[in-house]
Amino acid sequence: MTAQDIIKRPIISEKSMTGAVEKKYTFEVAKSANKIEIAKAVEELFKVQVANVNTVSVRGRLRRQGRTQGYTPSWKKAYVTLTTDSKNIEFFEGMM
């Protein structure tokens, strides 16, 4: 898998933006990707140094629309912490 296949999109929420001040960024990643692959993909895409990666598998939730119901797809979330001497990711700079 390429780095673009591993990192699907950044998670933009109030909670993730408070972490961006401390160089902790949140991404949606491929379900089959492991922590080492995620760290290498972030380093390749954003030219930064990764210190730590934590992952969470998010379960799909039950949603109803009228009398029909179904589940949203399950996905994987990665919390990426950068080293202290690494530069910030420019994408998140405009959001804070």
Protein backbone atom coordinates (compact mmCIF):
# COMPACT_ATOMS: atom_id res chain seq x y z
CA MET A 1 0.00 0.00 0.00
CA THR A 2 1.13 3.53 -0.70
CA ALA A 3 1.07 6.34 1.85
CA GLN A 4 -2.06 7.78 0.21
CA ASP A 5 -3.83 4.44 0.62
CA ILE A 6 -2.94 4.23 4.33
CA ILE A 7 -3.86 7.79 5.36
CA LYS A 8 -7.43 8.37 4.17
CA ARG A 9 -8.28 11.76 5.70
CA PRO A 10 -7.56 13.97 8.70
CA ILE A 11 -10.15 14.10 11.46
CA ILE A 12 -11.26 17.70 12.02
CA SER A 13 -13.12 18.05 15.31
CA GLU A 14 -12.93 20.21 18.39
CA LYS A 15 -11.18 17.49 20.37
CA SER A 16 -8.61 16.77 17.67
CA MET A 17 -7.82 20.48 17.24
CA THR A 18 -6.95 20.82 20.94
CA GLY A 19 -4.45 17.99 20.48
CA ALA A 20 -2.90 19.70 17.45
CA VAL A 21 -1.46 22.37 19.76
CA GLU A 22 0.58 19.63 21.48
CA LYS A 23 1.61 18.06 18.09
CA LYS A 24 -0.97 15.25 18.38
CA TYR A 25 -2.89 14.75 15.14
CA THR A 26 -5.81 12.46 14.31
CA PHE A 27 -6.31 10.63 11.00
CA GLU A 28 -8.68 8.07 9.52
CA VAL A 29 -6.50 5.21 8.25
CA ALA A 30 -6.92 1.94 6.39
CA LYS A 31 -8.29 -0.86 8.56
CA SER A 32 -5.47 -3.21 7.57
CA ALA A 33 -2.65 -0.73 8.36
CA ASN A 34 -0.51 -1.26 11.45
CA LYS A 35 1.25 1.37 13.59
CA ILE A 36 4.59 1.09 11.79
CA GLU A 37 2.99 1.56 8.38
CA ILE A 38 0.98 4.54 9.65
CA ALA A 39 4.09 6.21 11.09
CA LYS A 40 6.03 5.76 7.83
CA ALA A 41 3.09 7.09 5.79
CA VAL A 42 2.76 10.25 7.91
CA GLU A 43 6.52 10.86 7.74
CA GLU A 44 6.47 10.44 3.96
CA LEU A 45 3.40 12.60 3.28
CA PHE A 46 4.05 15.50 5.67
CA LYS A 47 7.90 15.38 6.02
CA VAL A 48 7.77 15.21 9.84
CA GLN A 49 9.20 12.90 12.52
CA VAL A 50 6.72 10.64 14.34
CA ALA A 51 7.29 9.80 17.99
CA ASN A 52 4.22 7.65 18.77
CA VAL A 53 1.13 6.16 17.09
CA ASN A 54 -2.00 4.97 18.89
CA THR A 55 -4.86 3.31 16.99
CA VAL A 56 -8.55 2.78 17.71
CA SER A 57 -10.97 0.61 15.73
CA VAL A 58 -14.27 2.52 15.58
CA ARG A 59 -17.29 0.27 15.41
CA GLY A 60 -20.17 1.09 13.05
CA ARG A 61 -23.24 2.59 14.70
CA LEU A 62 -26.87 1.69 14.18
CA ARG A 63 -28.72 4.39 12.23
CA ARG A 64 -32.40 4.57 11.38
CA GLN A 65 -34.16 6.38 8.61
CA GLY A 66 -37.88 5.93 8.87
CA ARG A 67 -38.67 2.29 9.37
CA THR A 68 -35.46 1.01 7.79
CA GLN A 69 -32.26 0.66 9.73
CA GLY A 70 -28.65 -0.17 9.05
CA TYR A 71 -25.13 0.25 10.31
CA THR A 72 -22.57 2.90 9.38
CA PRO A 73 -19.27 1.38 8.24
CA SER A 74 -16.60 0.59 10.81
CA TRP A 75 -13.24 2.36 10.41
CA LYS A 76 -9.87 2.86 12.06
CA LYS A 77 -8.57 6.02 13.72
CA ALA A 78 -4.92 6.84 14.41
CA TYR A 79 -3.57 9.35 16.94
CA VAL A 80 -0.12 10.44 15.75
CA THR A 81 2.26 12.26 18.10
CA LEU A 82 5.21 14.11 16.59
CA THR A 83 8.62 14.60 18.18
CA THR A 84 9.29 17.90 19.96
CA ASP A 85 11.88 19.03 17.41
CA SER A 86 9.65 18.18 14.42
CA LYS A 87 7.79 20.90 12.54
CA ASN A 88 4.00 21.16 12.69
CA ILE A 89 1.78 19.82 9.91
CA GLU A 90 0.78 22.83 7.78
CA PHE A 91 -2.69 21.47 6.98
CA PHE A 92 -3.78 21.83 10.61
CA GLU A 93 -2.27 25.32 11.05
CA GLY A 94 -5.17 27.10 9.38
CA MET A 95 -7.73 25.23 11.49
CA MET A 96 -6.51 26.35 14.92
